[in-house]
Amino acid sequence: MMQLPPHHLPAVPRWFVPGSPGPASLPEHVTTTGVGHWWADRALDPRAVAVSCAGHVLLRGDPGSVAPDLLAPFARSHVEAP
């Protein structure tokens, strides 16, 4: 996964449901505060995305598009994926 710069973020509603409680609120937190990071399997038209902050990661998209070794940045995090 590659970290995305703040000016190149994926469309949040496409990947995450706005207004979700608990850990699912992470995308809105990162977008609003700028604290945390967005990741994608590729910069243009990503097939999988992640948002991370404070040791928590939410993954969304096609799991087959991400090789296991590309998930290494999240090894010490609490990961949520549907």
PDB file of N, CA and C in Angstrom:
ATOM      1  N   MET A   1       0.849  -1.166   0.000  1.00  0.00           N
ATOM      2  CA  MET A   1       0.000   0.000   0.000  1.00  0.00           C
ATOM      3  C   MET A   1       0.898   1.234   0.000  1.00  0.00           C
ATOM      4  N   MET A   2       0.433   2.241  -0.687  1.00  0.00           N
ATOM      5  CA  MET A   2       1.182   3.496  -0.733  1.00  0.00           C
ATOM      6  C   MET A   2       0.399   4.573   0.005  1.00  0.00           C
ATOM      7  N   GLN A   3       1.132   5.405   0.733  1.00  0.00           N
ATOM      8  CA  GLN A   3       0.486   6.494   1.451  1.00  0.00           C
ATOM      9  C   GLN A   3       0.108   7.588   0.468  1.00  0.00           C
ATOM     10  N   LEU A   4      -1.118   8.085   0.594  1.00  0.00           N
ATOM     11  CA  LEU A   4      -1.602   9.133  -0.303  1.00  0.00           C
ATOM     12  C   LEU A   4      -1.396  10.504   0.327  1.00  0.00           C
ATOM     13  N   PRO A   5      -0.982  11.479  -0.462  1.00  0.00           N
ATOM     14  CA  PRO A   5      -0.875  12.844   0.065  1.00  0.00           C
ATOM     15  C   PRO A   5      -2.277  13.409   0.311  1.00  0.00           C
ATOM     16  N   PRO A   6      -2.402  14.356   1.246  1.00  0.00           N
ATOM     17  CA  PRO A   6      -3.729  14.892   1.587  1.00  0.00           C
ATOM     18  C   PRO A   6      -4.514  15.450   0.400  1.00  0.00           C
ATOM     19  N   HIS A   7      -3.849  15.950  -0.609  1.00  0.00           N
ATOM     20  CA  HIS A   7      -4.571  16.521  -1.756  1.00  0.00           C
ATOM     21  C   HIS A   7      -5.040  15.460  -2.750  1.00  0.00           C
ATOM     22  N   HIS A   8      -4.745  14.188  -2.497  1.00  0.00           N
ATOM     23  CA  HIS A   8      -5.131  13.118  -3.422  1.00  0.00           C
ATOM     24  C   HIS A   8      -5.869  12.010  -2.663  1.00  0.00           C
ATOM     25  N   LEU A   9      -6.916  12.385  -1.944  1.00  0.00           N
ATOM     26  CA  LEU A   9      -7.650  11.403  -1.150  1.00  0.00           C
ATOM     27  C   LEU A   9      -8.771  10.770  -1.959  1.00  0.00           C
ATOM     28  N   PRO A  10      -9.075   9.491  -1.667  1.00  0.00           N
ATOM     29  CA  PRO A  10     -10.193   8.847  -2.359  1.00  0.00           C
ATOM     30  C   PRO A  10     -11.513   9.458  -1.906  1.00  0.00           C
ATOM     31  N   ALA A  11     -12.536   9.270  -2.686  1.00  0.00           N
ATOM     32  CA  ALA A  11     -13.867   9.750  -2.313  1.00  0.00           C
ATOM     33  C   ALA A  11     -14.359   8.921  -1.130  1.00  0.00           C
ATOM     34  N   VAL A  12     -14.452   9.538   0.030  1.00  0.00           N
ATOM     35  CA  VAL A  12     -14.788   8.818   1.256  1.00  0.00           C
ATOM     36  C   VAL A  12     -16.106   8.056   1.151  1.00  0.00           C
ATOM     37  N   PRO A  13     -17.199   8.656   0.647  1.00  0.00           N
ATOM     38  CA  PRO A  13     -18.461   7.905   0.606  1.00  0.00           C
ATOM     39  C   PRO A  13     -18.385   6.620  -0.216  1.00  0.00           C
ATOM     40  N   ARG A  14     -17.527   6.597  -1.201  1.00  0.00           N
ATOM     41  CA  ARG A  14     -17.421   5.392  -2.025  1.00  0.00           C
ATOM     42  C   ARG A  14     -16.898   4.216  -1.198  1.00  0.00           C
ATOM     43  N   TRP A  15     -16.027   4.485  -0.262  1.00  0.00           N
ATOM     44  CA  TRP A  15     -15.370   3.425   0.497  1.00  0.00           C
ATOM     45  C   TRP A  15     -15.921   3.245   1.908  1.00  0.00           C
ATOM     46  N   PHE A  16     -16.403   4.328   2.522  1.00  0.00           N
ATOM     47  CA  PHE A  16     -16.826   4.288   3.915  1.00  0.00           C
ATOM     48  C   PHE A  16     -18.180   4.972   4.073  1.00  0.00           C
ATOM     49  N   VAL A  17     -18.990   4.484   5.000  1.00  0.00           N
ATOM     50  CA  VAL A  17     -20.304   5.064   5.263  1.00  0.00           C
ATOM     51  C   VAL A  17     -20.136   6.238   6.233  1.00  0.00           C
ATOM     52  N   PRO A  18     -20.467   7.453   5.799  1.00  0.00           N
ATOM     53  CA  PRO A  18     -20.331   8.613   6.693  1.00  0.00           C
ATOM     54  C   PRO A  18     -21.261   8.507   7.901  1.00  0.00           C
ATOM     55  N   GLY A  19     -20.817   9.048   9.017  1.00  0.00           N
ATOM     56  CA  GLY A  19     -21.641   9.059  10.218  1.00  0.00           C
ATOM     57  C   GLY A  19     -21.655   7.762  10.989  1.00  0.00           C
ATOM     58  N   SER A  20     -20.778   6.833  10.642  1.00  0.00           N
ATOM     59  CA  SER A  20     -20.730   5.556  11.348  1.00  0.00           C
ATOM     60  C   SER A  20     -20.103   5.750  12.729  1.00  0.00           C
ATOM     61  N   PRO A  21     -20.593   5.024  13.744  1.00  0.00           N
ATOM     62  CA  PRO A  21     -20.038   5.162  15.088  1.00  0.00           C
ATOM     63  C   PRO A  21     -18.781   4.314  15.289  1.00  0.00           C
ATOM     64  N   GLY A  22     -18.078   4.579  16.374  1.00  0.00           N
ATOM     65  CA  GLY A  22     -16.930   3.775  16.764  1.00  0.00           C
ATOM     66  C   GLY A  22     -15.776   3.874  15.793  1.00  0.00           C
ATOM     67  N   PRO A  23     -15.037   2.775  15.626  1.00  0.00           N
ATOM     68  CA  PRO A  23     -13.859   2.796  14.751  1.00  0.00           C
ATOM     69  C   PRO A  23     -14.185   3.182  13.311  1.00  0.00           C
ATOM     70  N   ALA A  24     -15.426   2.961  12.893  1.00  0.00           N
ATOM     71  CA  ALA A  24     -15.813   3.301  11.522  1.00  0.00           C
ATOM     72  C   ALA A  24     -15.831   4.810  11.285  1.00  0.00           C
ATOM     73  N   SER A  25     -15.718   5.603  12.359  1.00  0.00           N
ATOM     74  CA  SER A  25     -15.670   7.065  12.205  1.00  0.00           C
ATOM     75  C   SER A  25     -14.264   7.557  11.866  1.00  0.00           C
ATOM     76  N   LEU A  26     -13.303   6.655  11.825  1.00  0.00           N
ATOM     77  CA  LEU A  26     -11.912   7.025  11.546  1.00  0.00           C
ATOM     78  C   LEU A  26     -11.735   7.810  10.246  1.00  0.00           C
ATOM     79  N   PRO A  27     -12.368   7.435   9.135  1.00  0.00           N
ATOM     80  CA  PRO A  27     -12.184   8.211   7.901  1.00  0.00           C
ATOM     81  C   PRO A  27     -12.596   9.676   8.044  1.00  0.00           C
ATOM     82  N   GLU A  28     -13.717   9.913   8.714  1.00  0.00           N
ATOM     83  CA  GLU A  28     -14.154  11.298   8.901  1.00  0.00           C
ATOM     84  C   GLU A  28     -13.188  12.060   9.800  1.00  0.00           C
ATOM     85  N   HIS A  29     -12.683  11.391  10.830  1.00  0.00           N
ATOM     86  CA  HIS A  29     -11.722  12.027  11.733  1.00  0.00           C
ATOM     87  C   HIS A  29     -10.463  12.441  10.980  1.00  0.00           C
ATOM     88  N   VAL A  30      -9.911  11.529  10.196  1.00  0.00           N
ATOM     89  CA  VAL A  30      -8.671  11.814   9.465  1.00  0.00           C
ATOM     90  C   VAL A  30      -8.897  12.908   8.423  1.00  0.00           C
ATOM     91  N   THR A  31     -10.022  12.863   7.734  1.00  0.00           N
ATOM     92  CA  THR A  31     -10.323  13.879   6.727  1.00  0.00           C
ATOM     93  C   THR A  31     -10.517  15.253   7.363  1.00  0.00           C
ATOM     94  N   THR A  32     -11.215  15.301   8.485  1.00  0.00           N
ATOM     95  CA  THR A  32     -11.527  16.572   9.137  1.00  0.00           C
ATOM     96  C   THR A  32     -10.324  17.188   9.843  1.00  0.00           C
ATOM     97  N   THR A  33      -9.579  16.362  10.583  1.00  0.00           N
ATOM     98  CA  THR A  33      -8.487  16.891  11.406  1.00  0.00           C
ATOM     99  C   THR A  33      -7.138  16.895  10.707  1.00  0.00           C
ATOM    100  N   GLY A  34      -6.976  16.043   9.705  1.00  0.00           N
ATOM    101  CA  GLY A  34      -5.674  15.914   9.060  1.00  0.00           C
ATOM    102  C   GLY A  34      -4.707  15.055   9.852  1.00  0.00           C
ATOM    103  N   VAL A  35      -5.173  14.483  10.954  1.00  0.00           N
ATOM    104  CA  VAL A  35      -4.350  13.603  11.780  1.00  0.00           C
ATOM    105  C   VAL A  35      -4.606  12.172  11.330  1.00  0.00           C
ATOM    106  N   GLY A  36      -3.577  11.492  10.878  1.00  0.00           N
ATOM    107  CA  GLY A  36      -3.710  10.137  10.372  1.00  0.00           C
ATOM    108  C   GLY A  36      -3.294  10.085   8.912  1.00  0.00           C
ATOM    109  N   HIS A  37      -3.486   8.929   8.298  1.00  0.00           N
ATOM    110  CA  HIS A  37      -3.006   8.733   6.931  1.00  0.00           C
ATOM    111  C   HIS A  37      -3.998   7.928   6.101  1.00  0.00           C
ATOM    112  N   TRP A  38      -4.009   8.231   4.815  1.00  0.00           N
ATOM    113  CA  TRP A  38      -4.760   7.467   3.819  1.00  0.00           C
ATOM    114  C   TRP A  38      -3.768   6.642   3.010  1.00  0.00           C
ATOM    115  N   TRP A  39      -4.166   5.439   2.652  1.00  0.00           N
ATOM    116  CA  TRP A  39      -3.332   4.519   1.883  1.00  0.00           C
ATOM    117  C   TRP A  39      -4.172   3.943   0.747  1.00  0.00           C
ATOM    118  N   ALA A  40      -3.521   3.504  -0.320  1.00  0.00           N
ATOM    119  CA  ALA A  40      -4.219   2.845  -1.426  1.00  0.00           C
ATOM    120  C   ALA A  40      -3.270   1.867  -2.107  1.00  0.00           C
ATOM    121  N   ASP A  41      -3.849   0.922  -2.820  1.00  0.00           N
ATOM    122  CA  ASP A  41      -3.011  -0.034  -3.543  1.00  0.00           C
ATOM    123  C   ASP A  41      -2.367   0.613  -4.761  1.00  0.00           C
ATOM    124  N   ARG A  42      -2.979   1.694  -5.253  1.00  0.00           N
ATOM    125  CA  ARG A  42      -2.409   2.471  -6.356  1.00  0.00           C
ATOM    126  C   ARG A  42      -3.007   3.875  -6.300  1.00  0.00           C
ATOM    127  N   ALA A  43      -2.287   4.840  -6.851  1.00  0.00           N
ATOM    128  CA  ALA A  43      -2.691   6.246  -6.736  1.00  0.00           C
ATOM    129  C   ALA A  43      -3.952   6.569  -7.536  1.00  0.00           C
ATOM    130  N   LEU A  44      -4.045   6.050  -8.726  1.00  0.00           N
ATOM    131  CA  LEU A  44      -5.196   6.327  -9.584  1.00  0.00           C
ATOM    132  C   LEU A  44      -6.155   5.151  -9.574  1.00  0.00           C
ATOM    133  N   ASP A  45      -7.429   5.431  -9.383  1.00  0.00           N
ATOM    134  CA  ASP A  45      -8.473   4.410  -9.377  1.00  0.00           C
ATOM    135  C   ASP A  45      -8.121   3.232  -8.458  1.00  0.00           C
ATOM    136  N   PRO A  46      -7.940   3.493  -7.161  1.00  0.00           N
ATOM    137  CA  PRO A  46      -7.558   2.410  -6.249  1.00  0.00           C
ATOM    138  C   PRO A  46      -8.625   1.326  -6.156  1.00  0.00           C
ATOM    139  N   ARG A  47      -8.154   0.107  -5.963  1.00  0.00           N
ATOM    140  CA  ARG A  47      -9.050  -1.034  -5.774  1.00  0.00           C
ATOM    141  C   ARG A  47      -9.220  -1.351  -4.296  1.00  0.00           C
ATOM    142  N   ALA A  48      -8.263  -0.903  -3.487  1.00  0.00           N
ATOM    143  CA  ALA A  48      -8.312  -1.095  -2.040  1.00  0.00           C
ATOM    144  C   ALA A  48      -7.748   0.153  -1.379  1.00  0.00           C
ATOM    145  N   VAL A  49      -8.366   0.556  -0.271  1.00  0.00           N
ATOM    146  CA  VAL A  49      -7.897   1.725   0.474  1.00  0.00           C
ATOM    147  C   VAL A  49      -7.840   1.386   1.957  1.00  0.00           C
ATOM    148  N   ALA A  50      -7.056   2.171   2.674  1.00  0.00           N
ATOM    149  CA  ALA A  50      -6.969   2.055   4.127  1.00  0.00           C
ATOM    150  C   ALA A  50      -6.860   3.452   4.700  1.00  0.00           C
ATOM    151  N   VAL A  51      -7.351   3.596   5.894  1.00  0.00           N
ATOM    152  CA  VAL A  51      -7.179   4.842   6.638  1.00  0.00           C
ATOM    153  C   VAL A  51      -6.632   4.434   8.005  1.00  0.00           C
ATOM    154  N   SER A  52      -5.609   5.161   8.466  1.00  0.00           N
ATOM    155  CA  SER A  52      -4.966   4.791   9.721  1.00  0.00           C
ATOM    156  C   SER A  52      -4.772   6.002  10.619  1.00  0.00           C
ATOM    157  N   CYS A  53      -4.855   5.738  11.929  1.00  0.00           N
ATOM    158  CA  CYS A  53      -4.623   6.780  12.924  1.00  0.00           C
ATOM    159  C   CYS A  53      -4.506   6.111  14.293  1.00  0.00           C
ATOM    160  N   ALA A  54      -3.506   6.525  15.051  1.00  0.00           N
ATOM    161  CA  ALA A  54      -3.358   6.100  16.451  1.00  0.00           C
ATOM    162  C   ALA A  54      -3.424   4.584  16.634  1.00  0.00           C
ATOM    163  N   GLY A  55      -2.768   3.845  15.762  1.00  0.00           N
ATOM    164  CA  GLY A  55      -2.715   2.401  15.907  1.00  0.00           C
ATOM    165  C   GLY A  55      -3.948   1.650  15.445  1.00  0.00           C
ATOM    166  N   HIS A  56      -4.831   2.326  14.734  1.00  0.00           N
ATOM    167  CA  HIS A  56      -6.033   1.688  14.192  1.00  0.00           C
ATOM    168  C   HIS A  56      -6.038   1.850  12.677  1.00  0.00           C
ATOM    169  N   VAL A  57      -6.508   0.818  11.982  1.00  0.00           N
ATOM    170  CA  VAL A  57      -6.567   0.836  10.518  1.00  0.00           C
ATOM    171  C   VAL A  57      -7.901   0.257  10.069  1.00  0.00           C
ATOM    172  N   LEU A  58      -8.546   0.936   9.121  1.00  0.00           N
ATOM    173  CA  LEU A  58      -9.732   0.396   8.464  1.00  0.00           C
ATOM    174  C   LEU A  58      -9.361   0.092   7.027  1.00  0.00           C
ATOM    175  N   LEU A  59      -9.634  -1.115   6.575  1.00  0.00           N
ATOM    176  CA  LEU A  59      -9.365  -1.523   5.196  1.00  0.00           C
ATOM    177  C   LEU A  59     -10.688  -1.698   4.466  1.00  0.00           C
ATOM    178  N   ARG A  60     -10.723  -1.274   3.223  1.00  0.00           N
ATOM    179  CA  ARG A  60     -11.904  -1.467   2.383  1.00  0.00           C
ATOM    180  C   ARG A  60     -11.460  -1.753   0.958  1.00  0.00           C
ATOM    181  N   GLY A  61     -12.332  -2.418   0.196  1.00  0.00           N
ATOM    182  CA  GLY A  61     -12.050  -2.681  -1.204  1.00  0.00           C
ATOM    183  C   GLY A  61     -11.802  -4.146  -1.482  1.00  0.00           C
ATOM    184  N   ASP A  62     -11.104  -4.411  -2.565  1.00  0.00           N
ATOM    185  CA  ASP A  62     -10.829  -5.762  -3.042  1.00  0.00           C
ATOM    186  C   ASP A  62      -9.587  -6.319  -2.359  1.00  0.00           C
ATOM    187  N   PRO A  63      -9.731  -7.293  -1.447  1.00  0.00           N
ATOM    188  CA  PRO A  63      -8.563  -7.831  -0.760  1.00  0.00           C
ATOM    189  C   PRO A  63      -7.590  -8.540  -1.699  1.00  0.00           C
ATOM    190  N   GLY A  64      -8.071  -9.023  -2.834  1.00  0.00           N
ATOM    191  CA  GLY A  64      -7.198  -9.692  -3.792  1.00  0.00           C
ATOM    192  C   GLY A  64      -6.249  -8.757  -4.509  1.00  0.00           C
ATOM    193  N   SER A  65      -6.485  -7.458  -4.401  1.00  0.00           N
ATOM    194  CA  SER A  65      -5.624  -6.490  -5.089  1.00  0.00           C
ATOM    195  C   SER A  65      -4.413  -6.083  -4.256  1.00  0.00           C
ATOM    196  N   VAL A  66      -4.322  -6.596  -3.030  1.00  0.00           N
ATOM    197  CA  VAL A  66      -3.221  -6.223  -2.140  1.00  0.00           C
ATOM    198  C   VAL A  66      -2.444  -7.474  -1.740  1.00  0.00           C
ATOM    199  N   ALA A  67      -1.177  -7.515  -2.112  1.00  0.00           N
ATOM    200  CA  ALA A  67      -0.319  -8.624  -1.700  1.00  0.00           C
ATOM    201  C   ALA A  67      -0.085  -8.529  -0.193  1.00  0.00           C
ATOM    202  N   PRO A  68      -0.018  -9.658   0.506  1.00  0.00           N
ATOM    203  CA  PRO A  68       0.152  -9.629   1.960  1.00  0.00           C
ATOM    204  C   PRO A  68       1.343  -8.792   2.437  1.00  0.00           C
ATOM    205  N   ASP A  69       2.436  -8.808   1.705  1.00  0.00           N
ATOM    206  CA  ASP A  69       3.608  -8.039   2.149  1.00  0.00           C
ATOM    207  C   ASP A  69       3.368  -6.530   2.096  1.00  0.00           C
ATOM    208  N   LEU A  70       2.393  -6.079   1.310  1.00  0.00           N
ATOM    209  CA  LEU A  70       2.088  -4.650   1.240  1.00  0.00           C
ATOM    210  C   LEU A  70       1.307  -4.163   2.463  1.00  0.00           C
ATOM    211  N   LEU A  71       0.861  -5.095   3.287  1.00  0.00           N
ATOM    212  CA  LEU A  71       0.156  -4.730   4.512  1.00  0.00           C
ATOM    213  C   LEU A  71       1.111  -4.572   5.695  1.00  0.00           C
ATOM    214  N   ALA A  72       2.400  -4.730   5.459  1.00  0.00           N
ATOM    215  CA  ALA A  72       3.411  -4.635   6.518  1.00  0.00           C
ATOM    216  C   ALA A  72       3.336  -3.348   7.334  1.00  0.00           C
ATOM    217  N   PRO A  73       3.023  -2.181   6.737  1.00  0.00           N
ATOM    218  CA  PRO A  73       2.950  -0.964   7.564  1.00  0.00           C
ATOM    219  C   PRO A  73       1.899  -1.044   8.678  1.00  0.00           C
ATOM    220  N   PHE A  74       0.979  -1.993   8.577  1.00  0.00           N
ATOM    221  CA  PHE A  74      -0.101  -2.103   9.555  1.00  0.00           C
ATOM    222  C   PHE A  74       0.112  -3.246  10.551  1.00  0.00           C
ATOM    223  N   ALA A  75       1.280  -3.852  10.545  1.00  0.00           N
ATOM    224  CA  ALA A  75       1.543  -5.050  11.345  1.00  0.00           C
ATOM    225  C   ALA A  75       1.337  -4.836  12.843  1.00  0.00           C
ATOM    226  N   ARG A  76       1.606  -3.665  13.346  1.00  0.00           N
ATOM    227  CA  ARG A  76       1.473  -3.403  14.783  1.00  0.00           C
ATOM    228  C   ARG A  76       0.208  -2.607  15.110  1.00  0.00           C
ATOM    229  N   SER A  77      -0.758  -2.654  14.220  1.00  0.00           N
ATOM    230  CA  SER A  77      -1.995  -1.895  14.403  1.00  0.00           C
ATOM    231  C   SER A  77      -3.183  -2.822  14.613  1.00  0.00           C
ATOM    232  N   HIS A  78      -4.228  -2.267  15.174  1.00  0.00           N
ATOM    233  CA  HIS A  78      -5.511  -2.962  15.251  1.00  0.00           C
ATOM    234  C   HIS A  78      -6.191  -2.741  13.902  1.00  0.00           C
ATOM    235  N   VAL A  79      -6.452  -3.820  13.175  1.00  0.00           N
ATOM    236  CA  VAL A  79      -6.973  -3.711  11.808  1.00  0.00           C
ATOM    237  C   VAL A  79      -8.420  -4.192  11.756  1.00  0.00           C
ATOM    238  N   GLU A  80      -9.265  -3.405  11.087  1.00  0.00           N
ATOM    239  CA  GLU A  80     -10.657  -3.795  10.861  1.00  0.00           C
ATOM    240  C   GLU A  80     -10.892  -3.878   9.361  1.00  0.00           C
ATOM    241  N   ALA A  81     -11.390  -5.011   8.931  1.00  0.00           N
ATOM    242  CA  ALA A  81     -11.719  -5.209   7.515  1.00  0.00           C
ATOM    243  C   ALA A  81     -12.999  -6.036   7.460  1.00  0.00           C
ATOM    244  N   PRO A  82     -13.913  -5.676   6.566  1.00  0.00           N
ATOM    245  CA  PRO A  82     -15.159  -6.451   6.505  1.00  0.00           C
ATOM    246  C   PRO A  82     -14.929  -7.854   5.979  1.00  0.00           C
TER     247      PRO A  82
END
